[in-house]
Amino acid sequence: MCTCVTMNRGGHYFGRTLDLEYDFDQRVIIAPRALPLTFRRQPPLTRHHAMIGMASAAEGFPLFAEAVNEKGLGMAGLYFPESAVYRETLTPGMTHLAPYELIPWLLGQFDTVEQVRRVLPDLEVAALPLGKLPLAPLHWMVADGRDCLVVESVAEGLKVYDNPAGVLTNEPPFPYHMTYLRGFLNLTPQPPTCRFGGALSLTPYGQGMGALGLPGDASPASRFVRAAFGRANSQCPPEEGAAVTEFFHILDSVSMVRGCVITPQGACDITRYACCADAARGVYYYKTYGNSRLTAVDMNREDLEGTKLLEFPLETEQPIRRAN
């Protein structure tokens, strides 16, 4: 359960909530340009774009949940349990990548969504697990501030969709979400006018009634609509601090409260973290469930010519400033 958003407010901002019932040893990780990236079926990248995002690490390889590179291209993987199908039988001549390799391979080499779009027809997502780790069923959103794509590896093959909403959640596949969104085209941030008919002249009895019917539950389809509505109508000055604050307000509208979503196994699905990357400046902001204060990691304050992962443990305890 996750929600990903891309937004332009004087710059490109890319981020997501990650909603899960457990931690996965996540921390902010910077992959510098000279870090060797090895792949199961592709040649290694001995030099590549630097990138920053939330990840765990396995044998020095960054397992990014999402990341942005130094060129401003962002990519995130979101849970897609019912529809994700990875190729067991690989087609000769195609580019074969395991699902956990997709983000570093694409962000390591490409600057724009258009460049990514060109290589996707020759790509297969392969069922290649990393050791004993199970393969996470995912689909992906890619954005650069101009274009946005959704990439889904399903039974029919690799599907690529333009994403004008700039939002992605989970199941069902992306075309469903865009069709479902059409059921809410009457929503508006403005006060509604009476269309009831007859001689009645009805007026709103409170603010916000133009969006009456905006779904408030935690299902993927409802979160898609809610995030798309917030993204489309939010307003803020085109300044970094204001834009980052606005971005987190959008994410807050789809965050999970402990106890409100219970998994079939009886665990609480909560928003482990929410993040917003200023893709142009290479600054990664995040907050965790236990710490609502924003923490920033600036990629450009580190040695981006290094050969080892740079790791930053999460700030998870809530600092409280006492005013008296």
C-alpha atoms as a PDB file:
ATOM      1  CA  MET A   1       0.000   0.000   0.000  1.00  0.00           C
ATOM      2  CA  CYS A   2       1.710   3.178  -1.202  1.00  0.00           C
ATOM      3  CA  THR A   3       0.992   6.430  -3.004  1.00  0.00           C
ATOM      4  CA  CYS A   4       3.429   8.167  -5.360  1.00  0.00           C
ATOM      5  CA  VAL A   5       3.141  11.780  -6.553  1.00  0.00           C
ATOM      6  CA  THR A   6       5.067  14.029  -8.918  1.00  0.00           C
ATOM      7  CA  MET A   7       4.526  17.809  -8.760  1.00  0.00           C
ATOM      8  CA  ASN A   8       5.899  20.954 -10.410  1.00  0.00           C
ATOM      9  CA  ARG A   9       6.008  24.146  -8.332  1.00  0.00           C
ATOM     10  CA  GLY A  10       8.941  26.132  -9.676  1.00  0.00           C
ATOM     11  CA  GLY A  11      10.833  22.840  -9.791  1.00  0.00           C
ATOM     12  CA  HIS A  12      10.255  19.111  -9.954  1.00  0.00           C
ATOM     13  CA  TYR A  13       9.265  17.331  -6.727  1.00  0.00           C
ATOM     14  CA  PHE A  14       8.908  13.564  -6.575  1.00  0.00           C
ATOM     15  CA  GLY A  15       7.975  11.397  -3.633  1.00  0.00           C
ATOM     16  CA  ARG A  16       5.679   8.900  -2.015  1.00  0.00           C
ATOM     17  CA  THR A  17       4.273   7.323   1.088  1.00  0.00           C
ATOM     18  CA  LEU A  18       5.424   3.795   1.872  1.00  0.00           C
ATOM     19  CA  ASP A  19       2.704   1.945   3.730  1.00  0.00           C
ATOM     20  CA  LEU A  20       3.724  -1.397   5.209  1.00  0.00           C
ATOM     21  CA  GLU A  21       3.186  -3.522   8.305  1.00  0.00           C
ATOM     22  CA  TYR A  22       6.941  -3.954   8.911  1.00  0.00           C
ATOM     23  CA  ASP A  23      10.261  -2.168   8.460  1.00  0.00           C
ATOM     24  CA  PHE A  24      12.680  -3.434   5.808  1.00  0.00           C
ATOM     25  CA  ASP A  25      15.907  -1.994   7.241  1.00  0.00           C
ATOM     26  CA  GLN A  26      15.267   1.157   5.226  1.00  0.00           C
ATOM     27  CA  ARG A  27      17.544   4.165   5.311  1.00  0.00           C
ATOM     28  CA  VAL A  28      18.393   7.060   2.993  1.00  0.00           C
ATOM     29  CA  ILE A  29      21.077   5.878   0.588  1.00  0.00           C
ATOM     30  CA  ILE A  30      23.212   7.752  -1.934  1.00  0.00           C
ATOM     31  CA  ALA A  31      24.726   5.722  -4.750  1.00  0.00           C
ATOM     32  CA  PRO A  32      27.729   7.773  -5.985  1.00  0.00           C
ATOM     33  CA  ARG A  33      28.833   7.765  -9.609  1.00  0.00           C
ATOM     34  CA  ALA A  34      31.735   5.338  -9.235  1.00  0.00           C
ATOM     35  CA  LEU A  35      29.882   2.736  -7.164  1.00  0.00           C
ATOM     36  CA  PRO A  36      29.988  -0.479  -9.236  1.00  0.00           C
ATOM     37  CA  LEU A  37      26.447  -1.647 -10.006  1.00  0.00           C
ATOM     38  CA  THR A  38      26.273  -5.278 -11.075  1.00  0.00           C
ATOM     39  CA  PHE A  39      23.228  -6.912 -12.645  1.00  0.00           C
ATOM     40  CA  ARG A  40      22.184 -10.519 -13.087  1.00  0.00           C
ATOM     41  CA  ARG A  41      21.783 -10.452 -16.886  1.00  0.00           C
ATOM     42  CA  GLN A  42      23.223  -7.092 -17.949  1.00  0.00           C
ATOM     43  CA  PRO A  43      26.759  -5.672 -18.073  1.00  0.00           C
ATOM     44  CA  PRO A  44      27.782  -3.812 -14.913  1.00  0.00           C
ATOM     45  CA  LEU A  45      27.668  -0.041 -14.668  1.00  0.00           C
ATOM     46  CA  THR A  46      31.085   1.018 -13.445  1.00  0.00           C
ATOM     47  CA  ARG A  47      30.137   4.674 -13.812  1.00  0.00           C
ATOM     48  CA  HIS A  48      26.628   6.118 -13.748  1.00  0.00           C
ATOM     49  CA  HIS A  49      24.496   9.011 -12.556  1.00  0.00           C
ATOM     50  CA  ALA A  50      24.502   9.547  -8.808  1.00  0.00           C
ATOM     51  CA  MET A  51      21.149   8.863  -7.166  1.00  0.00           C
ATOM     52  CA  ILE A  52      19.492   9.240  -3.775  1.00  0.00           C
ATOM     53  CA  GLY A  53      16.479   7.552  -2.240  1.00  0.00           C
ATOM     54  CA  MET A  54      15.128   5.220   0.416  1.00  0.00           C
ATOM     55  CA  ALA A  55      16.568   1.731   0.254  1.00  0.00           C
ATOM     56  CA  SER A  56      18.011  -1.246   2.008  1.00  0.00           C
ATOM     57  CA  ALA A  57      21.327  -2.706   0.854  1.00  0.00           C
ATOM     58  CA  ALA A  58      22.271  -6.259  -0.081  1.00  0.00           C
ATOM     59  CA  GLU A  59      25.942  -7.041  -0.724  1.00  0.00           C
ATOM     60  CA  GLY A  60      26.609  -3.384  -1.543  1.00  0.00           C
ATOM     61  CA  PHE A  61      23.704  -3.148  -4.008  1.00  0.00           C
ATOM     62  CA  PRO A  62      21.025  -0.497  -3.298  1.00  0.00           C
ATOM     63  CA  LEU A  63      17.500  -1.940  -3.220  1.00  0.00           C
ATOM     64  CA  PHE A  64      15.714   1.352  -3.831  1.00  0.00           C
ATOM     65  CA  ALA A  65      12.037   1.727  -3.023  1.00  0.00           C
ATOM     66  CA  GLU A  66      12.265   5.060  -4.836  1.00  0.00           C
ATOM     67  CA  ALA A  67      15.068   7.371  -5.923  1.00  0.00           C
ATOM     68  CA  VAL A  68      15.940  10.422  -7.997  1.00  0.00           C
ATOM     69  CA  ASN A  69      19.141  10.871  -9.952  1.00  0.00           C
ATOM     70  CA  GLU A  70      21.320  13.939 -10.353  1.00  0.00           C
ATOM     71  CA  LYS A  71      19.620  14.773 -13.673  1.00  0.00           C
ATOM     72  CA  GLY A  72      16.206  15.130 -12.016  1.00  0.00           C
ATOM     73  CA  LEU A  73      14.697  11.814 -13.103  1.00  0.00           C
ATOM     74  CA  GLY A  74      12.679  10.034 -10.398  1.00  0.00           C
ATOM     75  CA  MET A  75      11.330   6.498 -10.138  1.00  0.00           C
ATOM     76  CA  ALA A  76       9.384   4.537  -7.519  1.00  0.00           C
ATOM     77  CA  GLY A  77       8.202   0.950  -7.164  1.00  0.00           C
ATOM     78  CA  LEU A  78       4.776   0.360  -5.593  1.00  0.00           C
ATOM     79  CA  TYR A  79       3.117  -2.819  -4.363  1.00  0.00           C
ATOM     80  CA  PHE A  80       1.191  -4.595  -7.136  1.00  0.00           C
ATOM     81  CA  PRO A  81       0.416  -8.031  -5.700  1.00  0.00           C
ATOM     82  CA  GLU A  82      -2.441  -9.310  -7.862  1.00  0.00           C
ATOM     83  CA  SER A  83      -1.245  -8.319 -11.332  1.00  0.00           C
ATOM     84  CA  ALA A  84       2.567  -8.280 -11.348  1.00  0.00           C
ATOM     85  CA  VAL A  85       3.998 -11.112 -13.464  1.00  0.00           C
ATOM     86  CA  TYR A  86       7.729 -11.461 -14.027  1.00  0.00           C
ATOM     87  CA  ARG A  87       9.145 -13.479 -16.905  1.00  0.00           C
ATOM     88  CA  GLU A  88      10.285 -17.008 -16.096  1.00  0.00           C
ATOM     89  CA  THR A  89      11.183 -17.760 -19.740  1.00  0.00           C
ATOM     90  CA  LEU A  90      13.362 -14.989 -21.138  1.00  0.00           C
ATOM     91  CA  THR A  91      13.192 -13.821 -24.752  1.00  0.00           C
ATOM     92  CA  PRO A  92      16.598 -13.832 -26.502  1.00  0.00           C
ATOM     93  CA  GLY A  93      17.830 -10.402 -27.516  1.00  0.00           C
ATOM     94  CA  MET A  94      15.815  -8.527 -24.888  1.00  0.00           C
ATOM     95  CA  THR A  95      17.171  -6.543 -21.934  1.00  0.00           C
ATOM     96  CA  HIS A  96      16.522  -8.654 -18.834  1.00  0.00           C
ATOM     97  CA  LEU A  97      16.364  -7.002 -15.403  1.00  0.00           C
ATOM     98  CA  ALA A  98      15.182  -8.273 -12.049  1.00  0.00           C
ATOM     99  CA  PRO A  99      12.515  -6.018 -10.481  1.00  0.00           C
ATOM    100  CA  TYR A 100      14.944  -4.732  -7.815  1.00  0.00           C
ATOM    101  CA  GLU A 101      17.437  -3.803 -10.582  1.00  0.00           C
ATOM    102  CA  LEU A 102      15.044  -1.637 -12.574  1.00  0.00           C
ATOM    103  CA  ILE A 103      15.431   1.613 -10.605  1.00  0.00           C
ATOM    104  CA  PRO A 104      19.257   1.718 -10.408  1.00  0.00           C
ATOM    105  CA  TRP A 105      19.645   0.542 -14.020  1.00  0.00           C
ATOM    106  CA  LEU A 106      17.309   3.188 -15.474  1.00  0.00           C
ATOM    107  CA  LEU A 107      18.253   6.072 -13.159  1.00  0.00           C
ATOM    108  CA  GLY A 108      21.920   5.197 -13.538  1.00  0.00           C
ATOM    109  CA  GLN A 109      21.898   5.789 -17.287  1.00  0.00           C
ATOM    110  CA  PHE A 110      19.074   8.084 -18.353  1.00  0.00           C
ATOM    111  CA  ASP A 111      18.247  11.765 -17.936  1.00  0.00           C
ATOM    112  CA  THR A 112      14.607  11.978 -19.054  1.00  0.00           C
ATOM    113  CA  VAL A 113      11.369  10.039 -19.278  1.00  0.00           C
ATOM    114  CA  GLU A 114      11.632  10.151 -23.069  1.00  0.00           C
ATOM    115  CA  GLN A 115      14.966   8.315 -22.939  1.00  0.00           C
ATOM    116  CA  VAL A 116      13.429   5.710 -20.618  1.00  0.00           C
ATOM    117  CA  ARG A 117      10.441   5.338 -22.918  1.00  0.00           C
ATOM    118  CA  ARG A 118      12.733   4.400 -25.837  1.00  0.00           C
ATOM    119  CA  VAL A 119      14.352   1.432 -24.054  1.00  0.00           C
ATOM    120  CA  LEU A 120      11.215  -0.042 -22.488  1.00  0.00           C
ATOM    121  CA  PRO A 121       9.979  -1.914 -25.619  1.00  0.00           C
ATOM    122  CA  ASP A 122      13.143  -4.056 -25.472  1.00  0.00           C
ATOM    123  CA  LEU A 123      12.958  -4.746 -21.726  1.00  0.00           C
ATOM    124  CA  GLU A 124      11.645  -7.743 -19.798  1.00  0.00           C
ATOM    125  CA  VAL A 125      11.312  -7.881 -16.017  1.00  0.00           C
ATOM    126  CA  ALA A 126      12.778 -11.263 -15.108  1.00  0.00           C
ATOM    127  CA  ALA A 127      11.875 -13.514 -12.182  1.00  0.00           C
ATOM    128  CA  LEU A 128      15.392 -13.448 -10.755  1.00  0.00           C
ATOM    129  CA  PRO A 129      15.371 -13.380  -6.930  1.00  0.00           C
ATOM    130  CA  LEU A 130      18.254 -11.953  -4.943  1.00  0.00           C
ATOM    131  CA  GLY A 131      19.487 -14.869  -2.851  1.00  0.00           C
ATOM    132  CA  LYS A 132      16.728 -15.981  -0.486  1.00  0.00           C
ATOM    133  CA  LEU A 133      14.852 -12.681  -0.672  1.00  0.00           C
ATOM    134  CA  PRO A 134      11.390 -13.079  -2.247  1.00  0.00           C
ATOM    135  CA  LEU A 135      10.589 -10.983  -5.308  1.00  0.00           C
ATOM    136  CA  ALA A 136       8.354  -8.044  -4.439  1.00  0.00           C
ATOM    137  CA  PRO A 137       5.393  -7.688  -6.845  1.00  0.00           C
ATOM    138  CA  LEU A 138       5.687  -4.114  -8.092  1.00  0.00           C
ATOM    139  CA  HIS A 139       4.736  -1.615 -10.737  1.00  0.00           C
ATOM    140  CA  TRP A 140       6.622   1.648 -11.265  1.00  0.00           C
ATOM    141  CA  MET A 141       6.143   5.370 -11.842  1.00  0.00           C
ATOM    142  CA  VAL A 142       8.822   7.403 -13.655  1.00  0.00           C
ATOM    143  CA  ALA A 143       8.776  11.214 -13.878  1.00  0.00           C
ATOM    144  CA  ASP A 144      11.090  14.077 -14.815  1.00  0.00           C
ATOM    145  CA  GLY A 145       8.963  17.200 -14.314  1.00  0.00           C
ATOM    146  CA  ARG A 146       7.750  17.192 -17.913  1.00  0.00           C
ATOM    147  CA  ASP A 147       6.522  13.656 -18.511  1.00  0.00           C
ATOM    148  CA  CYS A 148       5.275  10.827 -16.324  1.00  0.00           C
ATOM    149  CA  LEU A 149       4.967   7.118 -17.117  1.00  0.00           C
ATOM    150  CA  VAL A 150       3.611   4.021 -15.408  1.00  0.00           C
ATOM    151  CA  VAL A 151       5.348   0.704 -16.137  1.00  0.00           C
ATOM    152  CA  GLU A 152       3.589  -2.594 -15.374  1.00  0.00           C
ATOM    153  CA  SER A 153       4.926  -6.098 -15.966  1.00  0.00           C
ATOM    154  CA  VAL A 154       1.773  -8.215 -16.308  1.00  0.00           C
ATOM    155  CA  ALA A 155       0.786 -11.538 -17.870  1.00  0.00           C
ATOM    156  CA  GLU A 156       0.489  -9.945 -21.322  1.00  0.00           C
ATOM    157  CA  GLY A 157       3.984  -8.447 -21.125  1.00  0.00           C
ATOM    158  CA  LEU A 158       5.404  -5.031 -20.248  1.00  0.00           C
ATOM    159  CA  LYS A 159       2.764  -2.293 -20.398  1.00  0.00           C
ATOM    160  CA  VAL A 160       3.722   1.400 -20.507  1.00  0.00           C
ATOM    161  CA  TYR A 161       1.183   4.167 -19.907  1.00  0.00           C
ATOM    162  CA  ASP A 162       1.345   7.949 -20.023  1.00  0.00           C
ATOM    163  CA  ASN A 163       0.253   9.277 -16.638  1.00  0.00           C
ATOM    164  CA  PRO A 164      -1.372  12.722 -16.868  1.00  0.00           C
ATOM    165  CA  ALA A 165      -2.619  12.451 -13.262  1.00  0.00           C
ATOM    166  CA  GLY A 166       0.952  12.339 -11.908  1.00  0.00           C
ATOM    167  CA  VAL A 167      -0.142   9.838  -9.234  1.00  0.00           C
ATOM    168  CA  LEU A 168       0.156   6.093  -8.701  1.00  0.00           C
ATOM    169  CA  THR A 169      -1.115   3.781  -5.973  1.00  0.00           C
ATOM    170  CA  ASN A 170      -1.540  -0.009  -6.096  1.00  0.00           C
ATOM    171  CA  GLU A 171      -4.028  -2.465  -7.579  1.00  0.00           C
ATOM    172  CA  PRO A 172      -5.843  -2.617  -9.965  1.00  0.00           C
ATOM    173  CA  PRO A 173      -3.707  -1.906 -13.080  1.00  0.00           C
ATOM    174  CA  PHE A 174      -3.276   1.734 -14.052  1.00  0.00           C
ATOM    175  CA  PRO A 175      -6.004   1.957 -16.758  1.00  0.00           C
ATOM    176  CA  TYR A 176      -8.623   1.133 -14.124  1.00  0.00           C
ATOM    177  CA  HIS A 177      -7.545   4.083 -11.974  1.00  0.00           C
ATOM    178  CA  MET A 178      -7.845   6.533 -14.874  1.00  0.00           C
ATOM    179  CA  THR A 179     -11.308   5.182 -15.711  1.00  0.00           C
ATOM    180  CA  TYR A 180     -12.382   5.312 -12.061  1.00  0.00           C
ATOM    181  CA  LEU A 181     -11.142   8.914 -11.843  1.00  0.00           C
ATOM    182  CA  ARG A 182     -13.730   9.892 -14.455  1.00  0.00           C
ATOM    183  CA  GLY A 183     -16.435   9.162 -11.909  1.00  0.00           C
ATOM    184  CA  PHE A 184     -15.303  12.222  -9.933  1.00  0.00           C
ATOM    185  CA  LEU A 185     -15.138  14.848 -12.694  1.00  0.00           C
ATOM    186  CA  ASN A 186     -17.836  16.854 -10.919  1.00  0.00           C
ATOM    187  CA  LEU A 187     -15.568  17.579  -7.925  1.00  0.00           C
ATOM    188  CA  THR A 188     -14.351  21.144  -7.501  1.00  0.00           C
ATOM    189  CA  PRO A 189     -12.504  23.149  -4.848  1.00  0.00           C
ATOM    190  CA  GLN A 190     -15.018  25.952  -5.473  1.00  0.00           C
ATOM    191  CA  PRO A 191     -18.359  26.320  -3.675  1.00  0.00           C
ATOM    192  CA  PRO A 192     -20.938  24.249  -5.574  1.00  0.00           C
ATOM    193  CA  THR A 193     -23.908  25.736  -7.394  1.00  0.00           C
ATOM    194  CA  CYS A 194     -27.384  24.265  -7.157  1.00  0.00           C
ATOM    195  CA  ARG A 195     -28.201  21.803  -9.942  1.00  0.00           C
ATOM    196  CA  PHE A 196     -30.867  19.947  -7.977  1.00  0.00           C
ATOM    197  CA  GLY A 197     -33.665  20.997 -10.300  1.00  0.00           C
ATOM    198  CA  GLY A 198     -37.183  22.215  -9.789  1.00  0.00           C
ATOM    199  CA  ALA A 199     -37.960  25.346  -7.815  1.00  0.00           C
ATOM    200  CA  LEU A 200     -35.508  24.581  -5.016  1.00  0.00           C
ATOM    201  CA  SER A 201     -32.736  27.129  -4.527  1.00  0.00           C
ATOM    202  CA  LEU A 202     -30.277  25.245  -2.348  1.00  0.00           C
ATOM    203  CA  THR A 203     -27.049  26.700  -0.971  1.00  0.00           C
ATOM    204  CA  PRO A 204     -24.039  25.038   0.696  1.00  0.00           C
ATOM    205  CA  TYR A 205     -24.168  24.777   4.483  1.00  0.00           C
ATOM    206  CA  GLY A 206     -20.373  24.583   4.867  1.00  0.00           C
ATOM    207  CA  GLN A 207     -17.026  25.058   3.166  1.00  0.00           C
ATOM    208  CA  GLY A 208     -15.584  22.329   0.968  1.00  0.00           C
ATOM    209  CA  MET A 209     -18.875  20.981  -0.346  1.00  0.00           C
ATOM    210  CA  GLY A 210     -17.703  21.265  -3.948  1.00  0.00           C
ATOM    211  CA  ALA A 211     -15.650  18.137  -3.239  1.00  0.00           C
ATOM    212  CA  LEU A 212     -18.507  16.258  -1.612  1.00  0.00           C
ATOM    213  CA  GLY A 213     -18.010  12.621  -2.597  1.00  0.00           C
ATOM    214  CA  LEU A 214     -14.210  12.677  -2.553  1.00  0.00           C
ATOM    215  CA  PRO A 215     -13.470   9.186  -1.181  1.00  0.00           C
ATOM    216  CA  GLY A 216     -11.838   9.061   2.240  1.00  0.00           C
ATOM    217  CA  ASP A 217     -11.019   5.374   2.675  1.00  0.00           C
ATOM    218  CA  ALA A 218      -7.578   3.797   2.389  1.00  0.00           C
ATOM    219  CA  SER A 219      -8.175   1.632  -0.683  1.00  0.00           C
ATOM    220  CA  PRO A 220      -5.784   2.132  -3.615  1.00  0.00           C
ATOM    221  CA  ALA A 221      -8.491   3.490  -5.915  1.00  0.00           C
ATOM    222  CA  SER A 222      -9.678   6.014  -3.316  1.00  0.00           C
ATOM    223  CA  ARG A 223      -6.144   7.137  -2.501  1.00  0.00           C
ATOM    224  CA  PHE A 224      -5.509   7.619  -6.230  1.00  0.00           C
ATOM    225  CA  VAL A 225      -8.515   9.942  -6.524  1.00  0.00           C
ATOM    226  CA  ARG A 226      -7.682  11.831  -3.335  1.00  0.00           C
ATOM    227  CA  ALA A 227      -4.019  12.353  -4.255  1.00  0.00           C
ATOM    228  CA  ALA A 228      -4.895  13.353  -7.822  1.00  0.00           C
ATOM    229  CA  PHE A 229      -7.442  15.903  -6.560  1.00  0.00           C
ATOM    230  CA  GLY A 230      -4.967  17.383  -4.078  1.00  0.00           C
ATOM    231  CA  ARG A 231      -2.168  17.514  -6.645  1.00  0.00           C
ATOM    232  CA  ALA A 232      -4.396  19.146  -9.274  1.00  0.00           C
ATOM    233  CA  ASN A 233      -5.769  21.845  -6.968  1.00  0.00           C
ATOM    234  CA  SER A 234      -3.053  22.584  -4.393  1.00  0.00           C
ATOM    235  CA  GLN A 235      -1.615  26.096  -4.398  1.00  0.00           C
ATOM    236  CA  CYS A 236       1.662  27.423  -3.050  1.00  0.00           C
ATOM    237  CA  PRO A 237       4.429  29.871  -3.985  1.00  0.00           C
ATOM    238  CA  PRO A 238       7.051  28.421  -6.365  1.00  0.00           C
ATOM    239  CA  GLU A 239       9.697  28.299  -3.630  1.00  0.00           C
ATOM    240  CA  GLU A 240      11.485  25.239  -2.293  1.00  0.00           C
ATOM    241  CA  GLY A 241      10.287  25.436   1.309  1.00  0.00           C
ATOM    242  CA  ALA A 242       6.689  26.154   0.346  1.00  0.00           C
ATOM    243  CA  ALA A 243       6.640  23.491  -2.361  1.00  0.00           C
ATOM    244  CA  VAL A 244       8.065  20.819  -0.061  1.00  0.00           C
ATOM    245  CA  THR A 245       5.527  21.703   2.632  1.00  0.00           C
ATOM    246  CA  GLU A 246       2.704  21.541   0.086  1.00  0.00           C
ATOM    247  CA  PHE A 247       3.934  18.187  -1.178  1.00  0.00           C
ATOM    248  CA  PHE A 248       3.826  16.667   2.310  1.00  0.00           C
ATOM    249  CA  HIS A 249       0.311  18.031   2.840  1.00  0.00           C
ATOM    250  CA  ILE A 250      -0.773  16.077  -0.252  1.00  0.00           C
ATOM    251  CA  LEU A 251       0.909  12.955   1.097  1.00  0.00           C
ATOM    252  CA  ASP A 252      -0.691  13.483   4.503  1.00  0.00           C
ATOM    253  CA  SER A 253      -4.103  13.180   2.870  1.00  0.00           C
ATOM    254  CA  VAL A 254      -3.366   9.544   1.947  1.00  0.00           C
ATOM    255  CA  SER A 255      -1.309   8.465   4.973  1.00  0.00           C
ATOM    256  CA  MET A 256      -2.247   5.422   7.078  1.00  0.00           C
ATOM    257  CA  VAL A 257      -3.092   5.765  10.769  1.00  0.00           C
ATOM    258  CA  ARG A 258      -2.044   2.824  12.956  1.00  0.00           C
ATOM    259  CA  GLY A 259      -5.042   0.616  13.623  1.00  0.00           C
ATOM    260  CA  CYS A 260      -7.196   1.893  10.759  1.00  0.00           C
ATOM    261  CA  VAL A 261      -5.955  -0.671   8.205  1.00  0.00           C
ATOM    262  CA  ILE A 262      -5.467  -4.246   9.455  1.00  0.00           C
ATOM    263  CA  THR A 263      -3.871  -6.843   7.172  1.00  0.00           C
ATOM    264  CA  PRO A 264      -5.274 -10.380   6.798  1.00  0.00           C
ATOM    265  CA  GLN A 265      -2.466 -11.478   9.149  1.00  0.00           C
ATOM    266  CA  GLY A 266      -3.713  -9.089  11.837  1.00  0.00           C
ATOM    267  CA  ALA A 267      -0.884  -6.529  11.526  1.00  0.00           C
ATOM    268  CA  CYS A 268      -1.290  -2.746  11.250  1.00  0.00           C
ATOM    269  CA  ASP A 269      -0.546  -1.248   7.842  1.00  0.00           C
ATOM    270  CA  ILE A 270       0.950   2.198   8.549  1.00  0.00           C
ATOM    271  CA  THR A 271       2.858   4.870   6.652  1.00  0.00           C
ATOM    272  CA  ARG A 272       6.431   3.907   7.555  1.00  0.00           C
ATOM    273  CA  TYR A 273       7.728   7.038   5.885  1.00  0.00           C
ATOM    274  CA  ALA A 274       6.744   9.794   3.491  1.00  0.00           C
ATOM    275  CA  CYS A 275       9.316  11.481   1.285  1.00  0.00           C
ATOM    276  CA  CYS A 276       9.722  14.339  -1.155  1.00  0.00           C
ATOM    277  CA  ALA A 277      12.795  14.781  -3.335  1.00  0.00           C
ATOM    278  CA  ASP A 278      13.648  18.163  -4.801  1.00  0.00           C
ATOM    279  CA  ALA A 279      14.833  16.511  -7.982  1.00  0.00           C
ATOM    280  CA  ALA A 280      16.610  19.556  -9.405  1.00  0.00           C
ATOM    281  CA  ARG A 281      18.667  20.209  -6.253  1.00  0.00           C
ATOM    282  CA  GLY A 282      19.218  16.607  -5.208  1.00  0.00           C
ATOM    283  CA  VAL A 283      17.734  17.143  -1.735  1.00  0.00           C
ATOM    284  CA  TYR A 284      15.735  14.280  -0.226  1.00  0.00           C
ATOM    285  CA  TYR A 285      13.231  15.145   2.525  1.00  0.00           C
ATOM    286  CA  TYR A 286      11.463  12.567   4.636  1.00  0.00           C
ATOM    287  CA  LYS A 287       9.470  12.009   7.795  1.00  0.00           C
ATOM    288  CA  THR A 288       8.611   8.760   9.557  1.00  0.00           C
ATOM    289  CA  TYR A 289       5.538   7.524  11.397  1.00  0.00           C
ATOM    290  CA  GLY A 290       7.173   8.336  14.727  1.00  0.00           C
ATOM    291  CA  ASN A 291       8.811  11.612  13.693  1.00  0.00           C
ATOM    292  CA  SER A 292       6.772  14.192  11.797  1.00  0.00           C
ATOM    293  CA  ARG A 293       9.643  16.677  11.656  1.00  0.00           C
ATOM    294  CA  LEU A 294      11.194  16.851   8.171  1.00  0.00           C
ATOM    295  CA  THR A 295      14.757  15.591   7.804  1.00  0.00           C
ATOM    296  CA  ALA A 296      16.780  16.513   4.706  1.00  0.00           C
ATOM    297  CA  VAL A 297      19.702  14.718   3.072  1.00  0.00           C
ATOM    298  CA  ASP A 298      21.490  16.759   0.375  1.00  0.00           C
ATOM    299  CA  MET A 299      23.157  14.549  -2.201  1.00  0.00           C
ATOM    300  CA  ASN A 300      25.409  17.351  -3.386  1.00  0.00           C
ATOM    301  CA  ARG A 301      27.009  17.794   0.043  1.00  0.00           C
ATOM    302  CA  GLU A 302      28.620  14.372  -0.318  1.00  0.00           C
ATOM    303  CA  ASP A 303      31.437  13.034  -2.472  1.00  0.00           C
ATOM    304  CA  LEU A 304      29.557  11.880  -5.553  1.00  0.00           C
ATOM    305  CA  GLU A 305      32.737  10.420  -7.060  1.00  0.00           C
ATOM    306  CA  GLY A 306      32.963   7.741  -4.370  1.00  0.00           C
ATOM    307  CA  THR A 307      32.833   3.976  -4.812  1.00  0.00           C
ATOM    308  CA  LYS A 308      30.746   2.980  -1.770  1.00  0.00           C
ATOM    309  CA  LEU A 309      27.153   3.477  -0.729  1.00  0.00           C
ATOM    310  CA  LEU A 310      26.532   6.436   1.579  1.00  0.00           C
ATOM    311  CA  GLU A 311      23.933   5.508   4.198  1.00  0.00           C
ATOM    312  CA  PHE A 312      21.907   7.720   6.558  1.00  0.00           C
ATOM    313  CA  PRO A 313      19.864   5.995   9.297  1.00  0.00           C
ATOM    314  CA  LEU A 314      16.345   7.322   9.743  1.00  0.00           C
ATOM    315  CA  GLU A 315      15.396   9.826  12.428  1.00  0.00           C
ATOM    316  CA  THR A 316      12.446   7.972  13.967  1.00  0.00           C
ATOM    317  CA  GLU A 317      11.844   9.618  17.347  1.00  0.00           C
ATOM    318  CA  GLN A 318       9.715  12.721  17.624  1.00  0.00           C
ATOM    319  CA  PRO A 319      11.630  15.838  18.734  1.00  0.00           C
ATOM    320  CA  ILE A 320       9.335  18.260  20.563  1.00  0.00           C
ATOM    321  CA  ARG A 321      10.192  21.917  20.873  1.00  0.00           C
ATOM    322  CA  ARG A 322       8.776  23.247  24.126  1.00  0.00           C
ATOM    323  CA  ALA A 323       7.693  26.872  23.942  1.00  0.00           C
ATOM    324  CA  ASN A 324       7.634  27.417  27.698  1.00  0.00           C
END
